[in-house]
Amino acid sequence: MATVLYTNFGGMLCHEDRGGVQRTYVHDEVGNTNYLVDSTTVTDSFTYTPYGQVSHTGSNVTPFTFIGALGYLLLVGRC
């Protein structure tokens, strides 16, 4: 299990270090995570329905998707 270090700037999530792998978060104007970007390419993309359902392309796992810039976690399978 890799250690994950998240970085925020001005109260908004902007970066992660997942076991030495660096990724930057790119958010839309609402604060939803749209992309995860490594040093050269987009590794993951996220789209949302009006009610917050997430569609994910890519293989990286992050709980910070719907309004993720503000630090909200999406916990799948929990009430």
N, C-alpha and C. Protein backbone atom coordinates (compact mmCIF):
# COMPACT_ATOMS: atom_id res chain seq x y z
N MET A 1 0.84 -1.18 0.00
CA MET A 1 0.00 0.00 0.00
C MET A 1 0.89 1.25 0.00
N ALA A 2 0.68 2.12 -0.94
CA ALA A 2 1.49 3.33 -1.09
C ALA A 2 0.96 4.45 -0.20
N THR A 3 1.86 5.26 0.29
CA THR A 3 1.50 6.44 1.05
C THR A 3 1.11 7.55 0.08
N VAL A 4 0.05 8.28 0.42
CA VAL A 4 -0.40 9.37 -0.44
C VAL A 4 -0.30 10.68 0.33
N LEU A 5 0.35 11.66 -0.29
CA LEU A 5 0.47 12.99 0.29
C LEU A 5 -0.26 13.96 -0.62
N TYR A 6 -1.28 14.64 -0.10
CA TYR A 6 -2.04 15.61 -0.87
C TYR A 6 -1.57 17.02 -0.51
N THR A 7 -1.51 17.89 -1.50
CA THR A 7 -1.11 19.27 -1.29
C THR A 7 -2.26 20.18 -1.68
N ASN A 8 -2.50 21.22 -0.86
CA ASN A 8 -3.52 22.20 -1.24
C ASN A 8 -2.87 23.57 -1.30
N PHE A 9 -3.52 24.44 -2.03
CA PHE A 9 -3.06 25.82 -2.17
C PHE A 9 -4.28 26.71 -2.05
N GLY A 10 -4.28 27.61 -1.11
CA GLY A 10 -5.43 28.48 -0.91
C GLY A 10 -6.68 27.72 -0.52
N GLY A 11 -6.51 26.56 0.14
CA GLY A 11 -7.64 25.76 0.56
C GLY A 11 -8.20 24.84 -0.50
N MET A 12 -7.55 24.77 -1.66
CA MET A 12 -8.03 23.91 -2.74
C MET A 12 -6.99 22.84 -3.07
N LEU A 13 -7.44 21.60 -3.21
CA LEU A 13 -6.58 20.48 -3.55
C LEU A 13 -5.94 20.71 -4.90
N CYS A 14 -4.62 20.55 -4.99
CA CYS A 14 -3.97 20.82 -6.27
C CYS A 14 -2.97 19.75 -6.71
N HIS A 15 -2.52 18.86 -5.81
CA HIS A 15 -1.44 17.95 -6.16
C HIS A 15 -1.47 16.71 -5.25
N GLU A 16 -0.98 15.59 -5.79
CA GLU A 16 -0.80 14.40 -4.96
C GLU A 16 0.52 13.74 -5.28
N ASP A 17 1.09 13.12 -4.28
CA ASP A 17 2.28 12.29 -4.42
C ASP A 17 1.87 10.91 -3.92
N ARG A 18 1.67 9.98 -4.82
CA ARG A 18 1.20 8.64 -4.49
C ARG A 18 2.37 7.67 -4.66
N GLY A 19 3.08 7.44 -3.56
CA GLY A 19 4.21 6.51 -3.60
C GLY A 19 5.30 6.96 -4.55
N GLY A 20 5.53 8.26 -4.66
CA GLY A 20 6.56 8.80 -5.55
C GLY A 20 6.07 9.20 -6.92
N VAL A 21 4.81 8.87 -7.24
CA VAL A 21 4.23 9.26 -8.53
C VAL A 21 3.49 10.58 -8.32
N GLN A 22 3.91 11.62 -9.03
CA GLN A 22 3.37 12.97 -8.88
C GLN A 22 2.23 13.22 -9.87
N ARG A 23 1.11 13.76 -9.40
CA ARG A 23 0.01 14.15 -10.29
C ARG A 23 -0.56 15.48 -9.83
N THR A 24 -0.99 16.27 -10.80
CA THR A 24 -1.64 17.55 -10.54
C THR A 24 -3.12 17.42 -10.84
N TYR A 25 -3.95 18.03 -10.00
CA TYR A 25 -5.39 18.05 -10.19
C TYR A 25 -5.78 19.28 -11.00
N VAL A 26 -6.66 19.08 -11.99
CA VAL A 26 -7.22 20.18 -12.78
C VAL A 26 -8.72 20.17 -12.54
N HIS A 27 -9.25 21.30 -12.05
CA HIS A 27 -10.66 21.39 -11.67
C HIS A 27 -11.43 22.32 -12.59
N ASP A 28 -12.76 22.11 -12.62
CA ASP A 28 -13.61 23.05 -13.34
C ASP A 28 -13.99 24.20 -12.42
N GLU A 29 -14.85 25.10 -12.89
CA GLU A 29 -15.20 26.29 -12.12
C GLU A 29 -15.99 25.98 -10.86
N VAL A 30 -16.62 24.82 -10.77
CA VAL A 30 -17.39 24.44 -9.59
C VAL A 30 -16.49 23.79 -8.54
N GLY A 31 -15.37 23.21 -8.97
CA GLY A 31 -14.47 22.52 -8.06
C GLY A 31 -14.41 21.03 -8.27
N ASN A 32 -15.08 20.53 -9.31
CA ASN A 32 -15.01 19.11 -9.65
C ASN A 32 -13.66 18.81 -10.29
N THR A 33 -13.09 17.66 -9.98
CA THR A 33 -11.85 17.25 -10.62
C THR A 33 -12.14 16.84 -12.06
N ASN A 34 -11.52 17.50 -13.03
CA ASN A 34 -11.69 17.15 -14.44
C ASN A 34 -10.58 16.24 -14.95
N TYR A 35 -9.35 16.50 -14.49
CA TYR A 35 -8.21 15.73 -14.99
C TYR A 35 -7.19 15.51 -13.89
N LEU A 36 -6.45 14.40 -14.02
CA LEU A 36 -5.22 14.18 -13.29
C LEU A 36 -4.11 14.20 -14.32
N VAL A 37 -3.08 14.98 -14.08
CA VAL A 37 -2.01 15.20 -15.06
C VAL A 37 -0.68 14.85 -14.42
N ASP A 38 0.13 14.00 -15.11
CA ASP A 38 1.49 13.80 -14.62
C ASP A 38 2.38 14.86 -15.24
N SER A 39 3.66 14.66 -15.30
CA SER A 39 4.56 15.72 -15.78
C SER A 39 4.38 16.04 -17.26
N THR A 40 3.79 15.13 -18.04
CA THR A 40 3.69 15.38 -19.48
C THR A 40 2.30 15.17 -20.08
N THR A 41 1.46 14.33 -19.49
CA THR A 41 0.20 13.97 -20.13
C THR A 41 -0.96 13.89 -19.13
N VAL A 42 -2.17 13.93 -19.67
CA VAL A 42 -3.37 13.68 -18.89
C VAL A 42 -3.46 12.17 -18.67
N THR A 43 -3.48 11.74 -17.41
CA THR A 43 -3.56 10.31 -17.10
C THR A 43 -4.99 9.85 -16.85
N ASP A 44 -5.84 10.75 -16.36
CA ASP A 44 -7.22 10.41 -16.05
C ASP A 44 -8.12 11.59 -16.36
N SER A 45 -9.35 11.30 -16.78
CA SER A 45 -10.34 12.36 -16.98
C SER A 45 -11.64 11.94 -16.31
N PHE A 46 -12.38 12.93 -15.85
CA PHE A 46 -13.62 12.71 -15.12
C PHE A 46 -14.71 13.61 -15.71
N THR A 47 -15.91 13.06 -15.89
CA THR A 47 -17.08 13.84 -16.29
C THR A 47 -18.20 13.55 -15.30
N TYR A 48 -19.17 14.46 -15.23
CA TYR A 48 -20.20 14.38 -14.20
C TYR A 48 -21.58 14.63 -14.79
N THR A 49 -22.58 13.94 -14.21
CA THR A 49 -23.96 14.25 -14.54
C THR A 49 -24.38 15.44 -13.68
N PRO A 50 -25.52 16.05 -13.95
CA PRO A 50 -25.97 17.18 -13.12
C PRO A 50 -26.14 16.82 -11.64
N TYR A 51 -26.28 15.51 -11.33
CA TYR A 51 -26.46 15.10 -9.94
C TYR A 51 -25.20 14.51 -9.33
N GLY A 52 -24.06 14.66 -9.99
CA GLY A 52 -22.79 14.28 -9.40
C GLY A 52 -22.29 12.88 -9.66
N GLN A 53 -22.99 12.11 -10.51
CA GLN A 53 -22.47 10.79 -10.85
C GLN A 53 -21.20 10.96 -11.68
N VAL A 54 -20.19 10.15 -11.36
CA VAL A 54 -18.88 10.30 -11.97
C VAL A 54 -18.65 9.25 -13.04
N SER A 55 -18.14 9.70 -14.20
CA SER A 55 -17.65 8.80 -15.24
C SER A 55 -16.15 9.03 -15.33
N HIS A 56 -15.37 7.96 -15.21
CA HIS A 56 -13.92 8.06 -15.10
C HIS A 56 -13.23 7.30 -16.23
N THR A 57 -12.27 7.95 -16.87
CA THR A 57 -11.41 7.31 -17.86
C THR A 57 -9.99 7.37 -17.34
N GLY A 58 -9.36 6.22 -17.20
CA GLY A 58 -8.00 6.13 -16.66
C GLY A 58 -7.94 5.08 -15.58
N SER A 59 -6.76 4.89 -15.00
CA SER A 59 -6.60 3.80 -14.04
C SER A 59 -6.25 4.26 -12.63
N ASN A 60 -6.09 5.54 -12.41
CA ASN A 60 -5.72 6.03 -11.08
C ASN A 60 -6.95 6.15 -10.18
N VAL A 61 -6.75 5.93 -8.92
CA VAL A 61 -7.82 6.00 -7.94
C VAL A 61 -7.66 7.28 -7.12
N THR A 62 -8.73 8.06 -7.02
CA THR A 62 -8.74 9.22 -6.14
C THR A 62 -10.14 9.39 -5.56
N PRO A 63 -10.25 9.69 -4.28
CA PRO A 63 -11.56 9.94 -3.69
C PRO A 63 -12.02 11.39 -3.90
N PHE A 64 -11.15 12.24 -4.47
CA PHE A 64 -11.46 13.66 -4.63
C PHE A 64 -11.95 13.93 -6.05
N THR A 65 -13.22 13.66 -6.31
CA THR A 65 -13.77 13.85 -7.65
C THR A 65 -14.83 14.95 -7.62
N PHE A 66 -16.08 14.62 -7.30
CA PHE A 66 -17.17 15.59 -7.26
C PHE A 66 -16.91 16.61 -6.16
N ILE A 67 -16.70 17.86 -6.53
CA ILE A 67 -16.32 18.96 -5.65
C ILE A 67 -15.05 18.62 -4.87
N GLY A 68 -14.17 17.86 -5.49
CA GLY A 68 -12.94 17.41 -4.86
C GLY A 68 -11.95 18.52 -4.55
N ALA A 69 -12.00 19.63 -5.27
CA ALA A 69 -11.08 20.73 -5.03
C ALA A 69 -11.23 21.28 -3.62
N LEU A 70 -12.42 21.17 -3.07
CA LEU A 70 -12.68 21.69 -1.73
C LEU A 70 -12.43 20.65 -0.64
N GLY A 71 -11.95 19.46 -1.04
CA GLY A 71 -11.61 18.43 -0.08
C GLY A 71 -12.72 17.45 0.24
N TYR A 72 -13.81 17.47 -0.54
CA TYR A 72 -14.87 16.50 -0.32
C TYR A 72 -14.45 15.15 -0.87
N LEU A 73 -14.68 14.11 -0.08
CA LEU A 73 -14.34 12.75 -0.47
C LEU A 73 -15.57 12.05 -1.03
N LEU A 74 -15.38 11.24 -2.08
CA LEU A 74 -16.44 10.40 -2.59
C LEU A 74 -16.15 9.00 -2.08
N LEU A 75 -16.93 8.55 -1.10
CA LEU A 75 -16.75 7.23 -0.50
C LEU A 75 -17.77 6.28 -1.10
N VAL A 76 -17.33 5.45 -2.00
CA VAL A 76 -18.21 4.52 -2.71
C VAL A 76 -18.55 3.36 -1.80
N GLY A 77 -19.85 3.01 -1.75
CA GLY A 77 -20.29 1.87 -0.99
C GLY A 77 -20.47 2.13 0.49
N ARG A 78 -20.48 3.40 0.91
CA ARG A 78 -20.67 3.72 2.32
C ARG A 78 -21.85 4.67 2.47
N CYS A 79 -22.54 4.56 3.58
CA CYS A 79 -23.69 5.43 3.84
C CYS A 79 -23.33 6.52 4.80
